[in-house]
PDB file of all heavy atoms in Angstrom:
ATOM      1  N   TRP A   1      88.873 109.195  10.913  1.00  0.00           N
ATOM      2  CA  TRP A   1      90.317 109.321  10.926  1.00  0.00           C
ATOM      3  C   TRP A   1      90.920 109.791  12.339  1.00  0.00           C
ATOM      4  O   TRP A   1      91.924 109.327  12.757  1.00  0.00           O
ATOM      5  CB  TRP A   1      90.809 110.339   9.812  1.00  0.00           C
ATOM      6  CG  TRP A   1      92.215 110.514   9.837  1.00  0.00           C
ATOM      7  CD1 TRP A   1      93.256 109.658   9.275  1.00  0.00           C
ATOM      8  CD2 TRP A   1      92.948 111.663  10.195  1.00  0.00           C
ATOM      9  NE1 TRP A   1      94.456 110.280   9.453  1.00  0.00           N
ATOM     10  CE2 TRP A   1      94.335 111.463  10.044  1.00  0.00           C
ATOM     11  CE3 TRP A   1      92.495 112.866  10.833  1.00  0.00           C
ATOM     12  CZ2 TRP A   1      95.244 112.380  10.394  1.00  0.00           C
ATOM     13  CZ3 TRP A   1      93.506 113.798  11.185  1.00  0.00           C
ATOM     14  CH2 TRP A   1      94.791 113.546  10.971  1.00  0.00           C
ATOM     15  N   LEU A   2      90.147 110.686  12.884  1.00  0.00           N
ATOM     16  CA  LEU A   2      90.588 111.162  14.233  1.00  0.00           C
ATOM     17  C   LEU A   2      90.457 110.139  15.340  1.00  0.00           C
ATOM     18  O   LEU A   2      91.282 110.121  16.280  1.00  0.00           O
ATOM     19  CB  LEU A   2      89.715 112.416  14.628  1.00  0.00           C
ATOM     20  CG  LEU A   2      90.017 113.680  13.944  1.00  0.00           C
ATOM     21  CD1 LEU A   2      89.032 114.754  14.526  1.00  0.00           C
ATOM     22  CD2 LEU A   2      91.400 114.188  14.253  1.00  0.00           C
ATOM     23  N   ARG A   3      89.505 109.262  15.240  1.00  0.00           N
ATOM     24  CA  ARG A   3      89.341 108.275  16.360  1.00  0.00           C
ATOM     25  C   ARG A   3      90.086 107.007  16.183  1.00  0.00           C
ATOM     26  O   ARG A   3      89.821 106.064  16.839  1.00  0.00           O
ATOM     27  CB  ARG A   3      87.926 108.165  16.682  1.00  0.00           C
ATOM     28  CG  ARG A   3      87.179 107.489  15.475  1.00  0.00           C
ATOM     29  CD  ARG A   3      85.761 107.036  15.971  1.00  0.00           C
ATOM     30  NE  ARG A   3      85.695 105.627  15.586  1.00  0.00           N
ATOM     31  CZ  ARG A   3      84.641 104.970  15.431  1.00  0.00           C
ATOM     32  NH1 ARG A   3      83.493 105.598  15.495  1.00  0.00           N
ATOM     33  NH2 ARG A   3      84.658 103.727  14.968  1.00  0.00           N
ATOM     34  N   LYS A   4      90.898 106.939  15.192  1.00  0.00           N
ATOM     35  CA  LYS A   4      91.694 105.695  14.964  1.00  0.00           C
ATOM     36  C   LYS A   4      92.475 105.366  16.277  1.00  0.00           C
ATOM     37  O   LYS A   4      93.233 106.267  16.760  1.00  0.00           O
ATOM     38  CB  LYS A   4      92.604 105.820  13.821  1.00  0.00           C
ATOM     39  CG  LYS A   4      91.948 105.810  12.456  1.00  0.00           C
ATOM     40  CD  LYS A   4      92.254 104.603  11.738  1.00  0.00           C
ATOM     41  CE  LYS A   4      91.720 104.648  10.331  1.00  0.00           C
ATOM     42  NZ  LYS A   4      90.660 103.782  10.091  1.00  0.00           N
ATOM     43  N   VAL A   5      92.420 104.167  16.744  1.00  0.00           N
ATOM     44  CA  VAL A   5      93.088 103.780  17.937  1.00  0.00           C
ATOM     45  C   VAL A   5      94.127 102.754  17.526  1.00  0.00           C
ATOM     46  O   VAL A   5      93.797 101.805  16.798  1.00  0.00           O
ATOM     47  CB  VAL A   5      92.112 103.097  18.993  1.00  0.00           C
ATOM     48  CG1 VAL A   5      92.912 102.638  20.213  1.00  0.00           C
ATOM     49  CG2 VAL A   5      91.062 104.067  19.294  1.00  0.00           C
ATOM     50  N   PRO A   6      95.359 102.924  17.955  1.00  0.00           N
ATOM     51  CA  PRO A   6      96.452 102.003  17.531  1.00  0.00           C
ATOM     52  C   PRO A   6      96.187 100.558  18.161  1.00  0.00           C
ATOM     53  O   PRO A   6      95.542 100.442  19.223  1.00  0.00           O
ATOM     54  CB  PRO A   6      97.677 102.502  18.090  1.00  0.00           C
ATOM     55  CG  PRO A   6      97.286 103.437  19.200  1.00  0.00           C
ATOM     56  CD  PRO A   6      95.950 103.943  18.821  1.00  0.00           C
ATOM     57  N   GLU A   7      96.625  99.536  17.430  1.00  0.00           N
ATOM     58  CA  GLU A   7      96.498  98.162  17.917  1.00  0.00           C
ATOM     59  C   GLU A   7      97.269  98.012  19.164  1.00  0.00           C
ATOM     60  O   GLU A   7      98.344  98.587  19.296  1.00  0.00           O
ATOM     61  CB  GLU A   7      96.973  97.149  16.862  1.00  0.00           C
ATOM     62  CG  GLU A   7      95.998  97.097  15.617  1.00  0.00           C
ATOM     63  CD  GLU A   7      94.724  96.420  15.978  1.00  0.00           C
ATOM     64  OE1 GLU A   7      94.705  95.466  16.752  1.00  0.00           O
ATOM     65  OE2 GLU A   7      93.730  96.812  15.371  1.00  0.00           O
ATOM     66  N   PRO A   8      96.884  97.130  20.064  1.00  0.00           N
ATOM     67  CA  PRO A   8      97.590  96.918  21.288  1.00  0.00           C
ATOM     68  C   PRO A   8      98.934  96.284  21.024  1.00  0.00           C
ATOM     69  O   PRO A   8      99.078  95.463  20.084  1.00  0.00           O
ATOM     70  CB  PRO A   8      96.687  95.932  22.046  1.00  0.00           C
ATOM     71  CG  PRO A   8      95.372  96.001  21.469  1.00  0.00           C
ATOM     72  CD  PRO A   8      95.563  96.400  20.066  1.00  0.00           C
ATOM     73  N   THR A   9      99.866  96.650  21.798  1.00  0.00           N
ATOM     74  CA  THR A   9     101.297  96.103  21.644  1.00  0.00           C
ATOM     75  C   THR A   9     101.346  94.666  22.216  1.00  0.00           C
ATOM     76  O   THR A   9     100.381  94.244  22.929  1.00  0.00           O
ATOM     77  CB  THR A   9     102.279  96.959  22.285  1.00  0.00           C
ATOM     78  OG1 THR A   9     102.051  96.985  23.634  1.00  0.00           O
ATOM     79  CG2 THR A   9     102.250  98.426  21.753  1.00  0.00           C
ATOM     80  N   GLU A  10     102.474  94.069  22.048  1.00  0.00           N
ATOM     81  CA  GLU A  10     102.622  92.697  22.584  1.00  0.00           C
ATOM     82  C   GLU A  10     102.708  92.818  24.118  1.00  0.00           C
ATOM     83  O   GLU A  10     102.353  91.843  24.826  1.00  0.00           O
ATOM     84  CB  GLU A  10     103.983  92.036  22.010  1.00  0.00           C
ATOM     85  CG  GLU A  10     104.028  90.600  22.150  1.00  0.00           C
ATOM     86  CD  GLU A  10     102.859  89.864  21.406  1.00  0.00           C
ATOM     87  OE1 GLU A  10     102.399  90.235  20.334  1.00  0.00           O
ATOM     88  OE2 GLU A  10     102.456  88.844  21.998  1.00  0.00           O
ATOM     89  N   GLY A  11     103.317  93.911  24.596  1.00  0.00           N
ATOM     90  CA  GLY A  11     103.321  94.118  25.982  1.00  0.00           C
ATOM     91  C   GLY A  11     101.909  94.245  26.700  1.00  0.00           C
ATOM     92  O   GLY A  11     101.657  93.684  27.765  1.00  0.00           O
ATOM     93  N   ASP A  12     100.986  94.840  25.897  1.00  0.00           N
ATOM     94  CA  ASP A  12      99.645  94.984  26.409  1.00  0.00           C
ATOM     95  C   ASP A  12      98.909  93.646  26.487  1.00  0.00           C
ATOM     96  O   ASP A  12      98.223  93.314  27.438  1.00  0.00           O
ATOM     97  CB  ASP A  12      98.819  95.902  25.489  1.00  0.00           C
ATOM     98  CG  ASP A  12      99.266  97.345  25.414  1.00  0.00           C
ATOM     99  OD1 ASP A  12      99.855  97.762  26.443  1.00  0.00           O
ATOM    100  OD2 ASP A  12      99.059  97.953  24.455  1.00  0.00           O
ATOM    101  N   VAL A  13      99.291  92.800  25.486  1.00  0.00           N
ATOM    102  CA  VAL A  13      98.684  91.430  25.403  1.00  0.00           C
ATOM    103  C   VAL A  13      99.187  90.579  26.605  1.00  0.00           C
ATOM    104  O   VAL A  13      98.424  89.947  27.297  1.00  0.00           O
ATOM    105  CB  VAL A  13      99.004  90.712  24.077  1.00  0.00           C
ATOM    106  CG1 VAL A  13      98.661  89.271  24.100  1.00  0.00           C
ATOM    107  CG2 VAL A  13      98.338  91.438  22.945  1.00  0.00           C
ATOM    108  N   LYS A  14     100.556  90.689  26.837  1.00  0.00           N
ATOM    109  CA  LYS A  14     101.078  89.867  27.968  1.00  0.00           C
ATOM    110  C   LYS A  14     100.584  90.417  29.330  1.00  0.00           C
ATOM    111  O   LYS A  14     100.281  89.644  30.211  1.00  0.00           O
ATOM    112  CB  LYS A  14     102.596  89.990  27.930  1.00  0.00           C
ATOM    113  CG  LYS A  14     103.173  89.207  26.797  1.00  0.00           C
ATOM    114  CD  LYS A  14     104.703  89.255  26.800  1.00  0.00           C
ATOM    115  CE  LYS A  14     105.084  88.424  25.579  1.00  0.00           C
ATOM    116  NZ  LYS A  14     106.547  88.258  25.498  1.00  0.00           N
ATOM    117  N   TRP A  15     100.393  91.718  29.424  1.00  0.00           N
ATOM    118  CA  TRP A  15      99.871  92.348  30.681  1.00  0.00           C
ATOM    119  C   TRP A  15      98.401  91.801  30.920  1.00  0.00           C
ATOM    120  O   TRP A  15      98.033  91.434  32.008  1.00  0.00           O
ATOM    121  CB  TRP A  15      99.881  93.877  30.613  1.00  0.00           C
ATOM    122  CG  TRP A  15      99.421  94.512  31.803  1.00  0.00           C
ATOM    123  CD1 TRP A  15     100.093  94.813  32.936  1.00  0.00           C
ATOM    124  CD2 TRP A  15      98.069  95.000  32.013  1.00  0.00           C
ATOM    125  NE1 TRP A  15      99.244  95.419  33.871  1.00  0.00           N
ATOM    126  CE2 TRP A  15      98.026  95.555  33.302  1.00  0.00           C
ATOM    127  CE3 TRP A  15      96.887  95.029  31.274  1.00  0.00           C
ATOM    128  CZ2 TRP A  15      96.850  96.179  33.805  1.00  0.00           C
ATOM    129  CZ3 TRP A  15      95.774  95.670  31.711  1.00  0.00           C
ATOM    130  CH2 TRP A  15      95.808  96.206  33.005  1.00  0.00           C
ATOM    131  N   ALA A  16      97.611  91.850  29.810  1.00  0.00           N
ATOM    132  CA  ALA A  16      96.220  91.313  30.011  1.00  0.00           C
ATOM    133  C   ALA A  16      96.207  89.825  30.374  1.00  0.00           C
ATOM    134  O   ALA A  16      95.383  89.426  31.155  1.00  0.00           O
ATOM    135  CB  ALA A  16      95.473  91.645  28.727  1.00  0.00           C
ATOM    136  N   ALA A  17      97.113  89.080  29.708  1.00  0.00           N
ATOM    137  CA  ALA A  17      97.141  87.625  30.043  1.00  0.00           C
ATOM    138  C   ALA A  17      97.490  87.424  31.542  1.00  0.00           C
ATOM    139  O   ALA A  17      96.871  86.530  32.162  1.00  0.00           O
ATOM    140  CB  ALA A  17      98.152  86.940  29.065  1.00  0.00           C
ATOM    141  N   GLU A  18      98.445  88.178  31.996  1.00  0.00           N
ATOM    142  CA  GLU A  18      98.795  88.065  33.397  1.00  0.00           C
ATOM    143  C   GLU A  18      97.684  88.407  34.316  1.00  0.00           C
ATOM    144  O   GLU A  18      97.388  87.690  35.364  1.00  0.00           O
ATOM    145  CB  GLU A  18      99.951  89.089  33.764  1.00  0.00           C
ATOM    146  CG  GLU A  18     101.247  88.624  33.173  1.00  0.00           C
ATOM    147  CD  GLU A  18     102.301  89.736  33.444  1.00  0.00           C
ATOM    148  OE1 GLU A  18     102.115  90.526  34.461  1.00  0.00           O
ATOM    149  OE2 GLU A  18     103.359  89.778  32.763  1.00  0.00           O
ATOM    150  N   ARG A  19      96.888  89.461  33.947  1.00  0.00           N
ATOM    151  CA  ARG A  19      95.731  89.890  34.800  1.00  0.00           C
ATOM    152  C   ARG A  19      94.655  88.718  34.802  1.00  0.00           C
ATOM    153  O   ARG A  19      94.028  88.491  35.715  1.00  0.00           O
ATOM    154  CB  ARG A  19      95.127  91.182  34.339  1.00  0.00           C
ATOM    155  CG  ARG A  19      96.056  92.390  34.468  1.00  0.00           C
ATOM    156  CD  ARG A  19      96.348  92.560  36.005  1.00  0.00           C
ATOM    157  NE  ARG A  19      97.521  93.376  36.156  1.00  0.00           N
ATOM    158  CZ  ARG A  19      98.809  93.019  36.272  1.00  0.00           C
ATOM    159  NH1 ARG A  19      99.064  91.685  36.313  1.00  0.00           N
ATOM    160  NH2 ARG A  19      99.771  93.805  36.452  1.00  0.00           N
ATOM    161  N   TYR A  20      94.388  88.161  33.589  1.00  0.00           N
ATOM    162  CA  TYR A  20      93.404  87.071  33.506  1.00  0.00           C
ATOM    163  C   TYR A  20      93.824  85.925  34.368  1.00  0.00           C
ATOM    164  O   TYR A  20      93.061  85.329  35.209  1.00  0.00           O
ATOM    165  CB  TYR A  20      93.220  86.621  32.087  1.00  0.00           C
ATOM    166  CG  TYR A  20      92.084  87.322  31.389  1.00  0.00           C
ATOM    167  CD1 TYR A  20      92.319  88.414  30.539  1.00  0.00           C
ATOM    168  CD2 TYR A  20      90.704  86.893  31.498  1.00  0.00           C
ATOM    169  CE1 TYR A  20      91.323  89.010  29.885  1.00  0.00           C
ATOM    170  CE2 TYR A  20      89.719  87.537  30.819  1.00  0.00           C
ATOM    171  CZ  TYR A  20      89.993  88.636  30.013  1.00  0.00           C
ATOM    172  OH  TYR A  20      88.940  89.201  29.421  1.00  0.00           O
ATOM    173  N   ARG A  21      95.140  85.591  34.255  1.00  0.00           N
ATOM    174  CA  ARG A  21      95.662  84.457  35.050  1.00  0.00           C
ATOM    175  C   ARG A  21      95.581  84.785  36.525  1.00  0.00           C
ATOM    176  O   ARG A  21      95.228  83.891  37.358  1.00  0.00           O
ATOM    177  CB  ARG A  21      97.117  84.136  34.615  1.00  0.00           C
ATOM    178  CG  ARG A  21      97.827  83.109  35.454  1.00  0.00           C
ATOM    179  CD  ARG A  21      97.382  81.713  35.204  1.00  0.00           C
ATOM    180  NE  ARG A  21      97.603  81.412  33.741  1.00  0.00           N
ATOM    181  CZ  ARG A  21      96.744  80.655  33.056  1.00  0.00           C
ATOM    182  NH1 ARG A  21      95.684  80.168  33.650  1.00  0.00           N
ATOM    183  NH2 ARG A  21      97.014  80.365  31.801  1.00  0.00           N
ATOM    184  N   GLU A  22      95.951  85.987  36.888  1.00  0.00           N
ATOM    185  CA  GLU A  22      95.978  86.355  38.320  1.00  0.00           C
ATOM    186  C   GLU A  22      94.497  86.414  38.892  1.00  0.00           C
ATOM    187  O   GLU A  22      94.289  85.957  40.026  1.00  0.00           O
ATOM    188  CB  GLU A  22      96.576  87.778  38.382  1.00  0.00           C
ATOM    189  CG  GLU A  22      96.639  88.367  39.767  1.00  0.00           C
ATOM    190  CD  GLU A  22      97.298  89.785  39.765  1.00  0.00           C
ATOM    191  OE1 GLU A  22      98.404  89.870  39.291  1.00  0.00           O
ATOM    192  OE2 GLU A  22      96.600  90.679  40.225  1.00  0.00           O
ATOM    193  N   HIS A  23      93.573  86.886  38.146  1.00  0.00           N
ATOM    194  CA  HIS A  23      92.277  87.067  38.652  1.00  0.00           C
ATOM    195  C   HIS A  23      91.432  85.801  38.627  1.00  0.00           C
ATOM    196  O   HIS A  23      90.658  85.433  39.537  1.00  0.00           O
ATOM    197  CB  HIS A  23      91.476  88.218  37.920  1.00  0.00           C
ATOM    198  CG  HIS A  23      90.203  88.599  38.506  1.00  0.00           C
ATOM    199  ND1 HIS A  23      90.074  89.261  39.656  1.00  0.00           N
ATOM    200  CD2 HIS A  23      88.934  88.332  38.049  1.00  0.00           C
ATOM    201  CE1 HIS A  23      88.862  89.462  39.966  1.00  0.00           C
ATOM    202  NE2 HIS A  23      88.147  88.937  39.056  1.00  0.00           N
ATOM    203  N   PHE A  24      91.535  85.026  37.528  1.00  0.00           N
ATOM    204  CA  PHE A  24      90.682  83.811  37.337  1.00  0.00           C
ATOM    205  C   PHE A  24      91.377  82.506  37.589  1.00  0.00           C
ATOM    206  O   PHE A  24      90.789  81.444  37.653  1.00  0.00           O
ATOM    207  CB  PHE A  24      90.049  83.840  35.933  1.00  0.00           C
ATOM    208  CG  PHE A  24      89.122  85.021  35.677  1.00  0.00           C
ATOM    209  CD1 PHE A  24      89.549  86.025  34.846  1.00  0.00           C
ATOM    210  CD2 PHE A  24      87.931  85.093  36.343  1.00  0.00           C
ATOM    211  CE1 PHE A  24      88.744  87.132  34.620  1.00  0.00           C
ATOM    212  CE2 PHE A  24      87.121  86.162  36.104  1.00  0.00           C
ATOM    213  CZ  PHE A  24      87.475  87.177  35.210  1.00  0.00           C
ATOM    214  N   GLY A  25      92.688  82.539  37.743  1.00  0.00           N
ATOM    215  CA  GLY A  25      93.478  81.336  38.006  1.00  0.00           C
ATOM    216  C   GLY A  25      93.332  80.309  36.933  1.00  0.00           C
ATOM    217  O   GLY A  25      93.564  80.577  35.746  1.00  0.00           O
ATOM    218  N   SER A  26      92.982  79.047  37.260  1.00  0.00           N
ATOM    219  CA  SER A  26      92.907  77.952  36.261  1.00  0.00           C
ATOM    220  C   SER A  26      91.701  78.128  35.331  1.00  0.00           C
ATOM    221  O   SER A  26      91.699  77.414  34.305  1.00  0.00           O
ATOM    222  CB  SER A  26      92.872  76.619  37.009  1.00  0.00           C
ATOM    223  OG  SER A  26      91.690  76.552  37.716  1.00  0.00           O
ATOM    224  N   GLU A  27      90.729  78.954  35.662  1.00  0.00           N
ATOM    225  CA  GLU A  27      89.570  79.170  34.852  1.00  0.00           C
ATOM    226  C   GLU A  27      89.821  80.245  33.803  1.00  0.00           C
ATOM    227  O   GLU A  27      88.868  80.611  33.096  1.00  0.00           O
ATOM    228  CB  GLU A  27      88.341  79.483  35.751  1.00  0.00           C
ATOM    229  CG  GLU A  27      87.980  78.368  36.651  1.00  0.00           C
ATOM    230  CD  GLU A  27      87.454  77.205  35.908  1.00  0.00           C
ATOM    231  OE1 GLU A  27      86.640  77.385  34.933  1.00  0.00           O
ATOM    232  OE2 GLU A  27      87.888  76.083  36.256  1.00  0.00           O
ATOM    233  N   ALA A  28      90.951  80.821  33.665  1.00  0.00           N
ATOM    234  CA  ALA A  28      91.233  81.949  32.835  1.00  0.00           C
ATOM    235  C   ALA A  28      90.895  81.675  31.385  1.00  0.00           C
ATOM    236  O   ALA A  28      90.245  82.547  30.676  1.00  0.00           O
ATOM    237  CB  ALA A  28      92.661  82.380  32.949  1.00  0.00           C
ATOM    238  N   LEU A  29      91.227  80.515  30.841  1.00  0.00           N
ATOM    239  CA  LEU A  29      90.967  80.148  29.486  1.00  0.00           C
ATOM    240  C   LEU A  29      89.445  80.131  29.186  1.00  0.00           C
ATOM    241  O   LEU A  29      89.012  80.588  28.165  1.00  0.00           O
ATOM    242  CB  LEU A  29      91.590  78.968  29.043  1.00  0.00           C
ATOM    243  CG  LEU A  29      93.064  79.012  28.616  1.00  0.00           C
ATOM    244  CD1 LEU A  29      93.728  77.631  28.477  1.00  0.00           C
ATOM    245  CD2 LEU A  29      93.304  79.872  27.448  1.00  0.00           C
ATOM    246  N   SER A  30      88.691  79.540  30.097  1.00  0.00           N
ATOM    247  CA  SER A  30      87.255  79.423  29.844  1.00  0.00           C
ATOM    248  C   SER A  30      86.572  80.824  29.982  1.00  0.00           C
ATOM    249  O   SER A  30      85.723  81.156  29.225  1.00  0.00           O
ATOM    250  CB  SER A  30      86.641  78.408  30.776  1.00  0.00           C
ATOM    251  OG  SER A  30      86.691  78.805  32.141  1.00  0.00           O
ATOM    252  N   VAL A  31      87.062  81.585  30.909  1.00  0.00           N
ATOM    253  CA  VAL A  31      86.488  82.937  31.088  1.00  0.00           C
ATOM    254  C   VAL A  31      86.782  83.849  29.844  1.00  0.00           C
ATOM    255  O   VAL A  31      85.926  84.550  29.341  1.00  0.00           O
ATOM    256  CB  VAL A  31      87.009  83.575  32.377  1.00  0.00           C
ATOM    257  CG1 VAL A  31      86.691  85.084  32.477  1.00  0.00           C
ATOM    258  CG2 VAL A  31      86.468  82.888  33.595  1.00  0.00           C
ATOM    259  N   ILE A  32      88.027  83.796  29.404  1.00  0.00           N
ATOM    260  CA  ILE A  32      88.427  84.588  28.191  1.00  0.00           C
ATOM    261  C   ILE A  32      87.602  84.073  26.977  1.00  0.00           C
ATOM    262  O   ILE A  32      87.358  84.790  26.131  1.00  0.00           O
ATOM    263  CB  ILE A  32      89.886  84.667  28.064  1.00  0.00           C
ATOM    264  CG1 ILE A  32      90.179  85.894  27.152  1.00  0.00           C
ATOM    265  CG2 ILE A  32      90.451  83.369  27.352  1.00  0.00           C
ATOM    266  CD1 ILE A  32      91.664  86.288  27.105  1.00  0.00           C
ATOM    267  N   GLY A  33      87.324  82.851  26.923  1.00  0.00           N
ATOM    268  CA  GLY A  33      86.543  82.304  25.813  1.00  0.00           C
ATOM    269  C   GLY A  33      85.112  82.905  25.840  1.00  0.00           C
ATOM    270  O   GLY A  33      84.564  83.290  24.804  1.00  0.00           O
ATOM    271  N   GLU A  34      84.552  83.067  27.030  1.00  0.00           N
ATOM    272  CA  GLU A  34      83.229  83.680  27.184  1.00  0.00           C
ATOM    273  C   GLU A  34      83.252  85.116  26.750  1.00  0.00           C
ATOM    274  O   GLU A  34      82.408  85.669  26.144  1.00  0.00           O
ATOM    275  CB  GLU A  34      82.690  83.578  28.579  1.00  0.00           C
ATOM    276  CG  GLU A  34      82.359  82.082  28.953  1.00  0.00           C
ATOM    277  CD  GLU A  34      82.019  81.928  30.414  1.00  0.00           C
ATOM    278  OE1 GLU A  34      82.001  82.916  31.118  1.00  0.00           O
ATOM    279  OE2 GLU A  34      81.743  80.743  30.801  1.00  0.00           O
ATOM    280  N   HIS A  35      84.398  85.808  27.186  1.00  0.00           N
ATOM    281  CA  HIS A  35      84.528  87.250  26.836  1.00  0.00           C
ATOM    282  C   HIS A  35      84.735  87.398  25.332  1.00  0.00           C
ATOM    283  O   HIS A  35      84.265  88.357  24.711  1.00  0.00           O
ATOM    284  CB  HIS A  35      85.777  87.810  27.569  1.00  0.00           C
ATOM    285  CG  HIS A  35      85.534  87.918  29.058  1.00  0.00           C
ATOM    286  ND1 HIS A  35      86.540  88.313  29.921  1.00  0.00           N
ATOM    287  CD2 HIS A  35      84.433  87.772  29.814  1.00  0.00           C
ATOM    288  CE1 HIS A  35      86.110  88.379  31.103  1.00  0.00           C
ATOM    289  NE2 HIS A  35      84.831  88.046  31.066  1.00  0.00           N
ATOM    290  N   THR A  36      85.471  86.456  24.713  1.00  0.00           N
ATOM    291  CA  THR A  36      85.657  86.525  23.251  1.00  0.00           C
ATOM    292  C   THR A  36      84.243  86.358  22.487  1.00  0.00           C
ATOM    293  O   THR A  36      84.020  86.999  21.526  1.00  0.00           O
ATOM    294  CB  THR A  36      86.671  85.450  22.801  1.00  0.00           C
ATOM    295  OG1 THR A  36      87.847  85.653  23.494  1.00  0.00           O
ATOM    296  CG2 THR A  36      86.984  85.587  21.321  1.00  0.00           C
ATOM    297  N   LEU A  37      83.503  85.421  22.974  1.00  0.00           N
ATOM    298  CA  LEU A  37      82.228  85.272  22.419  1.00  0.00           C
ATOM    299  C   LEU A  37      81.380  86.503  22.585  1.00  0.00           C
ATOM    300  O   LEU A  37      80.686  86.932  21.631  1.00  0.00           O
ATOM    301  CB  LEU A  37      81.458  84.067  23.147  1.00  0.00           C
ATOM    302  CG  LEU A  37      80.095  83.741  22.657  1.00  0.00           C
ATOM    303  CD1 LEU A  37      80.114  83.353  21.112  1.00  0.00           C
ATOM    304  CD2 LEU A  37      79.432  82.665  23.518  1.00  0.00           C
ATOM    305  N   ALA A  38      81.383  87.130  23.776  1.00  0.00           N
ATOM    306  CA  ALA A  38      80.598  88.376  23.896  1.00  0.00           C
ATOM    307  C   ALA A  38      81.172  89.516  23.039  1.00  0.00           C
ATOM    308  O   ALA A  38      80.406  90.303  22.550  1.00  0.00           O
ATOM    309  CB  ALA A  38      80.707  88.837  25.420  1.00  0.00           C
ATOM    310  N   ALA A  39      82.449  89.511  22.838  1.00  0.00           N
ATOM    311  CA  ALA A  39      83.061  90.528  22.000  1.00  0.00           C
ATOM    312  C   ALA A  39      82.697  90.368  20.474  1.00  0.00           C
ATOM    313  O   ALA A  39      82.950  91.314  19.733  1.00  0.00           O
ATOM    314  CB  ALA A  39      84.579  90.529  22.118  1.00  0.00           C
ATOM    315  N   SER A  40      82.170  89.206  20.072  1.00  0.00           N
ATOM    316  CA  SER A  40      81.858  89.069  18.696  1.00  0.00           C
ATOM    317  C   SER A  40      80.654  89.847  18.401  1.00  0.00           C
ATOM    318  O   SER A  40      80.302  90.080  17.155  1.00  0.00           O
ATOM    319  CB  SER A  40      81.617  87.558  18.434  1.00  0.00           C
ATOM    320  OG  SER A  40      80.462  87.109  19.142  1.00  0.00           O
ATOM    321  N   PHE A  41      79.967  90.455  19.283  1.00  0.00           N
ATOM    322  CA  PHE A  41      78.766  91.327  19.072  1.00  0.00           C
ATOM    323  C   PHE A  41      79.215  92.751  18.926  1.00  0.00           C
ATOM    324  O   PHE A  41      78.310  93.623  18.750  1.00  0.00           O
ATOM    325  CB  PHE A  41      77.690  91.068  20.179  1.00  0.00           C
ATOM    326  CG  PHE A  41      77.131  89.752  20.119  1.00  0.00           C
ATOM    327  CD1 PHE A  41      77.514  88.759  21.119  1.00  0.00           C
ATOM    328  CD2 PHE A  41      76.177  89.335  19.238  1.00  0.00           C
ATOM    329  CE1 PHE A  41      76.964  87.561  21.111  1.00  0.00           C
ATOM    330  CE2 PHE A  41      75.722  88.154  19.224  1.00  0.00           C
ATOM    331  CZ  PHE A  41      76.035  87.148  20.224  1.00  0.00           C
ATOM    332  N   ALA A  42      80.427  93.116  19.132  1.00  0.00           N
ATOM    333  CA  ALA A  42      80.882  94.474  19.001  1.00  0.00           C
ATOM    334  C   ALA A  42      80.802  94.925  17.504  1.00  0.00           C
ATOM    335  O   ALA A  42      80.884  94.103  16.633  1.00  0.00           O
ATOM    336  CB  ALA A  42      82.313  94.562  19.484  1.00  0.00           C
ATOM    337  N   PRO A  43      80.702  96.168  17.343  1.00  0.00           N
ATOM    338  CA  PRO A  43      80.576  96.729  15.976  1.00  0.00           C
ATOM    339  C   PRO A  43      81.790  96.534  15.101  1.00  0.00           C
ATOM    340  O   PRO A  43      81.719  96.326  13.930  1.00  0.00           O
ATOM    341  CB  PRO A  43      80.259  98.194  16.138  1.00  0.00           C
ATOM    342  CG  PRO A  43      80.366  98.473  17.596  1.00  0.00           C
ATOM    343  CD  PRO A  43      80.510  97.257  18.313  1.00  0.00           C
ATOM    344  N   ASP A  44      83.004  96.539  15.680  1.00  0.00           N
ATOM    345  CA  ASP A  44      84.178  96.212  14.907  1.00  0.00           C
ATOM    346  C   ASP A  44      84.949  95.025  15.610  1.00  0.00           C
ATOM    347  O   ASP A  44      84.533  94.595  16.708  1.00  0.00           O
ATOM    348  CB  ASP A  44      85.098  97.353  14.716  1.00  0.00           C
ATOM    349  CG  ASP A  44      85.638  97.942  16.045  1.00  0.00           C
ATOM    350  OD1 ASP A  44      85.224  97.422  17.139  1.00  0.00           O
ATOM    351  OD2 ASP A  44      86.420  98.870  16.053  1.00  0.00           O
ATOM    352  N   GLY A  45      85.930  94.482  14.979  1.00  0.00           N
ATOM    353  CA  GLY A  45      86.562  93.323  15.434  1.00  0.00           C
ATOM    354  C   GLY A  45      87.823  93.510  16.262  1.00  0.00           C
ATOM    355  O   GLY A  45      88.538  92.569  16.588  1.00  0.00           O
ATOM    356  N   ARG A  46      88.101  94.783  16.693  1.00  0.00           N
ATOM    357  CA  ARG A  46      89.333  95.028  17.359  1.00  0.00           C
ATOM    358  C   ARG A  46      89.425  94.274  18.732  1.00  0.00           C
ATOM    359  O   ARG A  46      90.455  93.687  19.075  1.00  0.00           O
ATOM    360  CB  ARG A  46      89.552  96.517  17.609  1.00  0.00           C
ATOM    361  CG  ARG A  46      89.971  97.285  16.361  1.00  0.00           C
ATOM    362  CD  ARG A  46      90.243  98.711  16.669  1.00  0.00           C
ATOM    363  NE  ARG A  46      88.928  99.275  16.999  1.00  0.00           N
ATOM    364  CZ  ARG A  46      88.821 100.571  17.303  1.00  0.00           C
ATOM    365  NH1 ARG A  46      89.881 101.334  17.381  1.00  0.00           N
ATOM    366  NH2 ARG A  46      87.606 101.088  17.499  1.00  0.00           N
ATOM    367  N   HIS A  47      88.330  94.409  19.467  1.00  0.00           N
ATOM    368  CA  HIS A  47      88.358  93.824  20.867  1.00  0.00           C
ATOM    369  C   HIS A  47      88.440  92.303  20.749  1.00  0.00           C
ATOM    370  O   HIS A  47      89.165  91.590  21.473  1.00  0.00           O
ATOM    371  CB  HIS A  47      87.129  94.174  21.608  1.00  0.00           C
ATOM    372  CG  HIS A  47      87.066  93.814  23.045  1.00  0.00           C
ATOM    373  ND1 HIS A  47      87.945  94.275  23.939  1.00  0.00           N
ATOM    374  CD2 HIS A  47      86.378  92.988  23.663  1.00  0.00           C
ATOM    375  CE1 HIS A  47      87.827  93.779  25.094  1.00  0.00           C
ATOM    376  NE2 HIS A  47      86.764  92.969  25.023  1.00  0.00           N
ATOM    377  N   ARG A  48      87.787  91.663  19.759  1.00  0.00           N
ATOM    378  CA  ARG A  48      87.843  90.221  19.627  1.00  0.00           C
ATOM    379  C   ARG A  48      89.204  89.816  19.165  1.00  0.00           C
ATOM    380  O   ARG A  48      89.750  88.770  19.655  1.00  0.00           O
ATOM    381  CB  ARG A  48      86.836  89.825  18.600  1.00  0.00           C
ATOM    382  CG  ARG A  48      86.665  88.331  18.483  1.00  0.00           C
ATOM    383  CD  ARG A  48      85.412  87.923  17.694  1.00  0.00           C
ATOM    384  NE  ARG A  48      84.987  86.604  17.863  1.00  0.00           N
ATOM    385  CZ  ARG A  48      85.460  85.645  17.161  1.00  0.00           C
ATOM    386  NH1 ARG A  48      86.385  85.891  16.201  1.00  0.00           N
ATOM    387  NH2 ARG A  48      85.055  84.391  17.316  1.00  0.00           N
TER     388      ARG A  48
END
């Protein structure tokens, strides 16, 4: 109960999308796909 982390806001999502676009450019979608695949091994599904 103490370590519950709130879900990211829509602003956090937009900020992360901007950073992916800024850093990876046109490859952002393929890179985030690889990151999503890697996140599927996490113990919970929040990151995915």
